[in-house]
PDB file of N, CA and C in Angstrom:
ATOM      1  N   MET A   1     131.247 125.434 229.273  1.00  0.00           N
ATOM      2  CA  MET A   1     130.085 124.829 228.955  1.00  0.00           C
ATOM      3  C   MET A   1     129.293 125.521 229.944  1.00  0.00           C
ATOM      4  N   THR A   2     127.993 126.160 229.285  1.00  0.00           N
ATOM      5  CA  THR A   2     126.771 126.331 229.961  1.00  0.00           C
ATOM      6  C   THR A   2     125.768 125.454 229.832  1.00  0.00           C
ATOM      7  N   GLY A   3     125.216 125.386 231.106  1.00  0.00           N
ATOM      8  CA  GLY A   3     124.125 124.322 231.243  1.00  0.00           C
ATOM      9  C   GLY A   3     122.983 124.774 231.014  1.00  0.00           C
ATOM     10  N   ILE A   4     121.954 124.106 230.842  1.00  0.00           N
ATOM     11  CA  ILE A   4     120.253 124.511 230.655  1.00  0.00           C
ATOM     12  C   ILE A   4     119.805 125.199 231.855  1.00  0.00           C
ATOM     13  N   ILE A   5     120.047 125.059 233.207  1.00  0.00           N
ATOM     14  CA  ILE A   5     120.037 125.958 234.509  1.00  0.00           C
ATOM     15  C   ILE A   5     120.597 127.188 234.081  1.00  0.00           C
ATOM     16  N   ASP A   6     121.794 127.231 233.776  1.00  0.00           N
ATOM     17  CA  ASP A   6     122.591 128.649 233.709  1.00  0.00           C
ATOM     18  C   ASP A   6     121.559 129.741 232.611  1.00  0.00           C
ATOM     19  N   GLN A   7     121.168 128.694 231.347  1.00  0.00           N
ATOM     20  CA  GLN A   7     120.742 129.566 230.357  1.00  0.00           C
ATOM     21  C   GLN A   7     119.201 130.119 230.879  1.00  0.00           C
ATOM     22  N   ALA A   8     118.506 129.030 231.786  1.00  0.00           N
ATOM     23  CA  ALA A   8     117.383 129.580 232.304  1.00  0.00           C
ATOM     24  C   ALA A   8     117.397 130.633 233.277  1.00  0.00           C
ATOM     25  N   ASN A   9     118.570 130.455 234.166  1.00  0.00           N
ATOM     26  CA  ASN A   9     118.857 131.592 235.097  1.00  0.00           C
ATOM     27  C   ASN A   9     119.233 133.234 234.373  1.00  0.00           C
ATOM     28  N   ASP A  10     119.928 133.222 233.054  1.00  0.00           N
ATOM     29  CA  ASP A  10     120.166 134.330 232.412  1.00  0.00           C
ATOM     30  C   ASP A  10     118.610 134.691 231.585  1.00  0.00           C
ATOM     31  N   TYR A  11     117.862 133.783 231.415  1.00  0.00           N
ATOM     32  CA  TYR A  11     116.933 134.053 230.551  1.00  0.00           C
ATOM     33  C   TYR A  11     115.865 134.812 231.635  1.00  0.00           C
ATOM     34  N   ALA A  12     115.823 134.513 232.949  1.00  0.00           N
ATOM     35  CA  ALA A  12     114.820 134.913 233.879  1.00  0.00           C
ATOM     36  C   ALA A  12     115.462 136.485 234.483  1.00  0.00           C
ATOM     37  N   GLU A  13     116.595 136.565 234.217  1.00  0.00           N
ATOM     38  CA  GLU A  13     117.351 137.354 234.816  1.00  0.00           C
ATOM     39  C   GLU A  13     117.280 138.619 233.891  1.00  0.00           C
ATOM     40  N   LYS A  14     117.101 138.585 232.726  1.00  0.00           N
ATOM     41  CA  LYS A  14     116.991 139.471 231.248  1.00  0.00           C
ATOM     42  C   LYS A  14     115.403 139.671 231.769  1.00  0.00           C
ATOM     43  N   GLU A  15     114.521 138.836 231.906  1.00  0.00           N
ATOM     44  CA  GLU A  15     113.122 139.146 231.487  1.00  0.00           C
ATOM     45  C   GLU A  15     112.839 139.991 232.944  1.00  0.00           C
ATOM     46  N   ARG A  16     113.476 139.741 234.107  1.00  0.00           N
ATOM     47  CA  ARG A  16     113.031 140.693 235.264  1.00  0.00           C
ATOM     48  C   ARG A  16     113.571 142.009 235.128  1.00  0.00           C
ATOM     49  N   GLN A  17     114.745 142.290 234.601  1.00  0.00           N
ATOM     50  CA  GLN A  17     115.219 143.466 234.057  1.00  0.00           C
ATOM     51  C   GLN A  17     114.327 144.213 233.155  1.00  0.00           C
ATOM     52  N   ILE A  18     114.015 143.612 232.208  1.00  0.00           N
ATOM     53  CA  ILE A  18     112.980 144.061 231.681  1.00  0.00           C
ATOM     54  C   ILE A  18     111.759 144.639 232.345  1.00  0.00           C
ATOM     55  N   ALA A  19     111.135 144.070 232.940  1.00  0.00           N
ATOM     56  CA  ALA A  19     110.095 144.188 233.750  1.00  0.00           C
ATOM     57  C   ALA A  19     110.200 145.485 234.597  1.00  0.00           C
ATOM     58  N   ILE A  20     111.232 145.567 235.373  1.00  0.00           N
ATOM     59  CA  ILE A  20     111.708 146.569 236.183  1.00  0.00           C
ATOM     60  C   ILE A  20     111.599 147.905 235.478  1.00  0.00           C
ATOM     61  N   ALA A  21     112.137 147.756 234.192  1.00  0.00           N
ATOM     62  CA  ALA A  21     112.194 148.941 233.421  1.00  0.00           C
ATOM     63  C   ALA A  21     111.074 149.450 232.838  1.00  0.00           C
ATOM     64  N   ASN A  22     110.141 148.535 232.747  1.00  0.00           N
ATOM     65  CA  ASN A  22     108.951 149.000 232.148  1.00  0.00           C
ATOM     66  C   ASN A  22     107.778 148.939 233.032  1.00  0.00           C
ATOM     67  N   ARG A  23     107.935 148.785 234.375  1.00  0.00           N
ATOM     68  CA  ARG A  23     107.134 149.076 235.399  1.00  0.00           C
ATOM     69  C   ARG A  23     106.550 150.225 235.258  1.00  0.00           C
ATOM     70  N   ILE A  24     105.321 150.954 235.833  1.00  0.00           N
ATOM     71  CA  ILE A  24     104.589 152.311 235.853  1.00  0.00           C
ATOM     72  C   ILE A  24     105.152 152.761 237.436  1.00  0.00           C
ATOM     73  N   PRO A  25     105.861 153.937 237.182  1.00  0.00           N
ATOM     74  CA  PRO A  25     106.264 154.660 238.808  1.00  0.00           C
ATOM     75  C   PRO A  25     105.198 154.669 239.675  1.00  0.00           C
ATOM     76  N   PHE A  26     105.602 154.492 240.919  1.00  0.00           N
ATOM     77  CA  PHE A  26     104.377 154.733 241.919  1.00  0.00           C
ATOM     78  C   PHE A  26     104.250 156.283 242.598  1.00  0.00           C
ATOM     79  N   THR A  27     103.123 157.100 242.395  1.00  0.00           N
ATOM     80  CA  THR A  27     102.765 158.369 242.563  1.00  0.00           C
ATOM     81  C   THR A  27     102.287 158.678 243.864  1.00  0.00           C
ATOM     82  N   LEU A  28     102.491 159.553 244.676  1.00  0.00           N
ATOM     83  CA  LEU A  28     101.878 159.905 245.781  1.00  0.00           C
ATOM     84  C   LEU A  28     100.780 160.996 245.650  1.00  0.00           C
ATOM     85  N   ASP A  29      99.662 161.046 245.926  1.00  0.00           N
ATOM     86  CA  ASP A  29      98.703 162.030 245.550  1.00  0.00           C
ATOM     87  C   ASP A  29      99.062 163.172 246.419  1.00  0.00           C
ATOM     88  N   ALA A  30      99.104 164.689 246.019  1.00  0.00           N
ATOM     89  CA  ALA A  30      99.630 165.737 246.843  1.00  0.00           C
ATOM     90  C   ALA A  30      98.651 165.779 247.560  1.00  0.00           C
ATOM     91  N   GLY A  31      99.210 166.289 248.928  1.00  0.00           N
ATOM     92  CA  GLY A  31      98.333 166.761 250.041  1.00  0.00           C
ATOM     93  C   GLY A  31      98.509 167.855 250.593  1.00  0.00           C
ATOM     94  N   LYS A  32      97.948 168.401 251.711  1.00  0.00           N
ATOM     95  CA  LYS A  32      97.917 169.552 252.319  1.00  0.00           C
ATOM     96  C   LYS A  32      97.215 169.794 253.773  1.00  0.00           C
ATOM     97  N   PRO A  33      98.196 170.129 254.552  1.00  0.00           N
ATOM     98  CA  PRO A  33      97.684 170.270 255.932  1.00  0.00           C
ATOM     99  C   PRO A  33      96.393 170.977 255.918  1.00  0.00           C
ATOM    100  N   GLY A  34      95.385 170.633 257.193  1.00  0.00           N
ATOM    101  CA  GLY A  34      94.268 171.209 257.371  1.00  0.00           C
ATOM    102  C   GLY A  34      93.190 170.333 258.177  1.00  0.00           C
ATOM    103  N   ALA A  35      92.336 171.037 258.340  1.00  0.00           N
ATOM    104  CA  ALA A  35      90.835 170.139 258.716  1.00  0.00           C
ATOM    105  C   ALA A  35      90.215 169.194 257.944  1.00  0.00           C
ATOM    106  N   CYS A  36      89.850 167.721 258.546  1.00  0.00           N
ATOM    107  CA  CYS A  36      89.146 167.153 257.450  1.00  0.00           C
ATOM    108  C   CYS A  36      87.810 167.365 257.315  1.00  0.00           C
ATOM    109  N   ASP A  37      87.450 167.508 256.013  1.00  0.00           N
ATOM    110  CA  ASP A  37      85.929 167.499 255.655  1.00  0.00           C
ATOM    111  C   ASP A  37      85.007 166.547 256.353  1.00  0.00           C
ATOM    112  N   PHE A  38      85.550 165.484 256.772  1.00  0.00           N
ATOM    113  CA  PHE A  38      84.852 164.703 257.220  1.00  0.00           C
ATOM    114  C   PHE A  38      84.599 164.278 258.925  1.00  0.00           C
ATOM    115  N   CYS A  39      85.860 164.480 259.337  1.00  0.00           N
ATOM    116  CA  CYS A  39      85.860 164.300 260.810  1.00  0.00           C
ATOM    117  C   CYS A  39      85.733 165.416 261.532  1.00  0.00           C
ATOM    118  N   GLY A  40      86.582 166.660 261.019  1.00  0.00           N
ATOM    119  CA  GLY A  40      86.626 168.195 261.326  1.00  0.00           C
ATOM    120  C   GLY A  40      88.230 168.069 262.239  1.00  0.00           C
ATOM    121  N   GLU A  41      88.983 166.906 262.225  1.00  0.00           N
ATOM    122  CA  GLU A  41      90.055 166.878 262.912  1.00  0.00           C
ATOM    123  C   GLU A  41      91.288 167.537 262.005  1.00  0.00           C
ATOM    124  N   TRP A  42      92.307 168.005 262.854  1.00  0.00           N
ATOM    125  CA  TRP A  42      93.415 168.648 262.038  1.00  0.00           C
ATOM    126  C   TRP A  42      94.361 167.931 261.781  1.00  0.00           C
ATOM    127  N   PHE A  43      94.924 167.323 260.341  1.00  0.00           N
ATOM    128  CA  PHE A  43      95.771 166.537 260.026  1.00  0.00           C
ATOM    129  C   PHE A  43      97.128 167.255 259.224  1.00  0.00           C
ATOM    130  N   GLY A  44      98.051 166.841 259.098  1.00  0.00           N
ATOM    131  CA  GLY A  44      99.289 166.969 258.257  1.00  0.00           C
ATOM    132  C   GLY A  44      98.995 167.144 256.750  1.00  0.00           C
ATOM    133  N   ARG A  45      98.500 166.173 256.505  1.00  0.00           N
ATOM    134  CA  ARG A  45      98.334 165.805 255.267  1.00  0.00           C
ATOM    135  C   ARG A  45      96.631 165.497 254.643  1.00  0.00           C
ATOM    136  N   LEU A  46      96.195 166.210 254.032  1.00  0.00           N
ATOM    137  CA  LEU A  46      94.781 165.713 253.496  1.00  0.00           C
ATOM    138  C   LEU A  46      94.872 165.747 252.033  1.00  0.00           C
ATOM    139  N   VAL A  47      94.264 164.393 251.389  1.00  0.00           N
ATOM    140  CA  VAL A  47      94.012 164.690 250.128  1.00  0.00           C
ATOM    141  C   VAL A  47      92.568 164.566 249.818  1.00  0.00           C
ATOM    142  N   ASP A  48      92.272 165.638 248.617  1.00  0.00           N
ATOM    143  CA  ASP A  48      90.979 165.833 248.436  1.00  0.00           C
ATOM    144  C   ASP A  48      89.994 166.147 249.809  1.00  0.00           C
ATOM    145  N   GLY A  49      90.729 166.841 250.668  1.00  0.00           N
ATOM    146  CA  GLY A  49      89.878 167.187 251.851  1.00  0.00           C
ATOM    147  C   GLY A  49      89.810 166.289 252.935  1.00  0.00           C
ATOM    148  N   ALA A  50      90.245 165.080 252.793  1.00  0.00           N
ATOM    149  CA  ALA A  50      90.013 163.893 253.778  1.00  0.00           C
ATOM    150  C   ALA A  50      91.283 163.474 254.216  1.00  0.00           C
ATOM    151  N   CYS A  51      91.148 163.037 255.638  1.00  0.00           N
ATOM    152  CA  CYS A  51      92.448 162.321 256.516  1.00  0.00           C
ATOM    153  C   CYS A  51      92.426 160.789 255.970  1.00  0.00           C
ATOM    154  N   VAL A  52      93.166 160.053 256.311  1.00  0.00           N
ATOM    155  CA  VAL A  52      93.775 158.825 255.832  1.00  0.00           C
ATOM    156  C   VAL A  52      92.673 158.017 256.360  1.00  0.00           C
ATOM    157  N   PRO A  53      92.132 157.851 257.837  1.00  0.00           N
ATOM    158  CA  PRO A  53      90.873 156.913 258.350  1.00  0.00           C
ATOM    159  C   PRO A  53      89.872 157.697 257.699  1.00  0.00           C
ATOM    160  N   CYS A  54      89.661 158.782 257.430  1.00  0.00           N
ATOM    161  CA  CYS A  54      88.543 159.001 256.567  1.00  0.00           C
ATOM    162  C   CYS A  54      88.107 158.449 255.244  1.00  0.00           C
ATOM    163  N   ARG A  55      89.285 158.585 254.432  1.00  0.00           N
ATOM    164  CA  ARG A  55      89.325 158.315 253.011  1.00  0.00           C
ATOM    165  C   ARG A  55      89.116 156.613 253.094  1.00  0.00           C
ATOM    166  N   HIS A  56      89.928 155.921 254.290  1.00  0.00           N
ATOM    167  CA  HIS A  56      89.463 154.521 254.085  1.00  0.00           C
ATOM    168  C   HIS A  56      87.828 154.253 254.579  1.00  0.00           C
ATOM    169  N   LYS A  57      87.645 154.790 255.411  1.00  0.00           N
ATOM    170  CA  LYS A  57      85.829 154.446 255.861  1.00  0.00           C
ATOM    171  C   LYS A  57      84.871 155.206 254.479  1.00  0.00           C
ATOM    172  N   HIS A  58      85.213 156.020 253.836  1.00  0.00           N
ATOM    173  CA  HIS A  58      84.391 156.398 252.913  1.00  0.00           C
ATOM    174  C   HIS A  58      84.813 155.837 251.650  1.00  0.00           C
ATOM    175  N   GLU A  59      85.892 155.323 251.144  1.00  0.00           N
ATOM    176  CA  GLU A  59      86.192 154.922 249.980  1.00  0.00           C
ATOM    177  C   GLU A  59      85.548 153.893 249.504  1.00  0.00           C
ATOM    178  N   LYS A  60      85.241 153.773 248.331  1.00  0.00           N
ATOM    179  CA  LYS A  60      84.314 152.561 247.540  1.00  0.00           C
ATOM    180  C   LYS A  60      84.760 151.567 247.526  1.00  0.00           C
ATOM    181  N   ARG A  61      84.384 150.239 247.837  1.00  0.00           N
ATOM    182  CA  ARG A  61      85.105 149.089 247.771  1.00  0.00           C
ATOM    183  C   ARG A  61      85.259 148.550 246.472  1.00  0.00           C
ATOM    184  N   GLY A  62      86.601 148.224 246.119  1.00  0.00           N
ATOM    185  CA  GLY A  62      86.800 147.606 244.750  1.00  0.00           C
ATOM    186  C   GLY A  62      87.985 148.863 244.249  1.00  0.00           C
ATOM    187  N   SER A  63      87.760 150.256 244.738  1.00  0.00           N
ATOM    188  CA  SER A  63      88.154 151.162 243.950  1.00  0.00           C
ATOM    189  C   SER A  63      89.452 151.555 244.975  1.00  0.00           C
ATOM    190  N   ARG A  64      90.533 152.436 244.165  1.00  0.00           N
ATOM    191  CA  ARG A  64      91.970 152.796 244.865  1.00  0.00           C
ATOM    192  C   ARG A  64      91.880 154.491 244.951  1.00  0.00           C
ATOM    193  N   GLY A  65      91.029 154.662 246.072  1.00  0.00           N
ATOM    194  CA  GLY A  65      90.839 156.083 246.442  1.00  0.00           C
ATOM    195  C   GLY A  65      89.503 156.503 246.317  1.00  0.00           C
ATOM    196  N   ARG A  66      89.983 157.987 245.909  1.00  0.00           N
ATOM    197  CA  ARG A  66      88.886 158.697 245.340  1.00  0.00           C
ATOM    198  C   ARG A  66      87.283 158.536 245.700  1.00  0.00           C
ATOM    199  N   ILE A  67      87.076 159.319 246.860  1.00  0.00           N
ATOM    200  CA  ILE A  67      86.072 159.340 247.750  1.00  0.00           C
ATOM    201  C   ILE A  67      85.284 159.700 246.879  1.00  0.00           C
TER     202      ILE A  67
END
């Protein structure tokens, strides 16, 4: 005989599985090596011509990336 706690755990597990199945996959922006357009230093991965420190320095507050 299943108790109410077991039923709640089963329900929570089903909801968790649904949430995992429906999540949006994480994608990483394509990058390429070269000299940063902002600081001029060479980096192994630039996104839109900017290195990580410059992207963080010049990104708009409240936005996710994109200088």
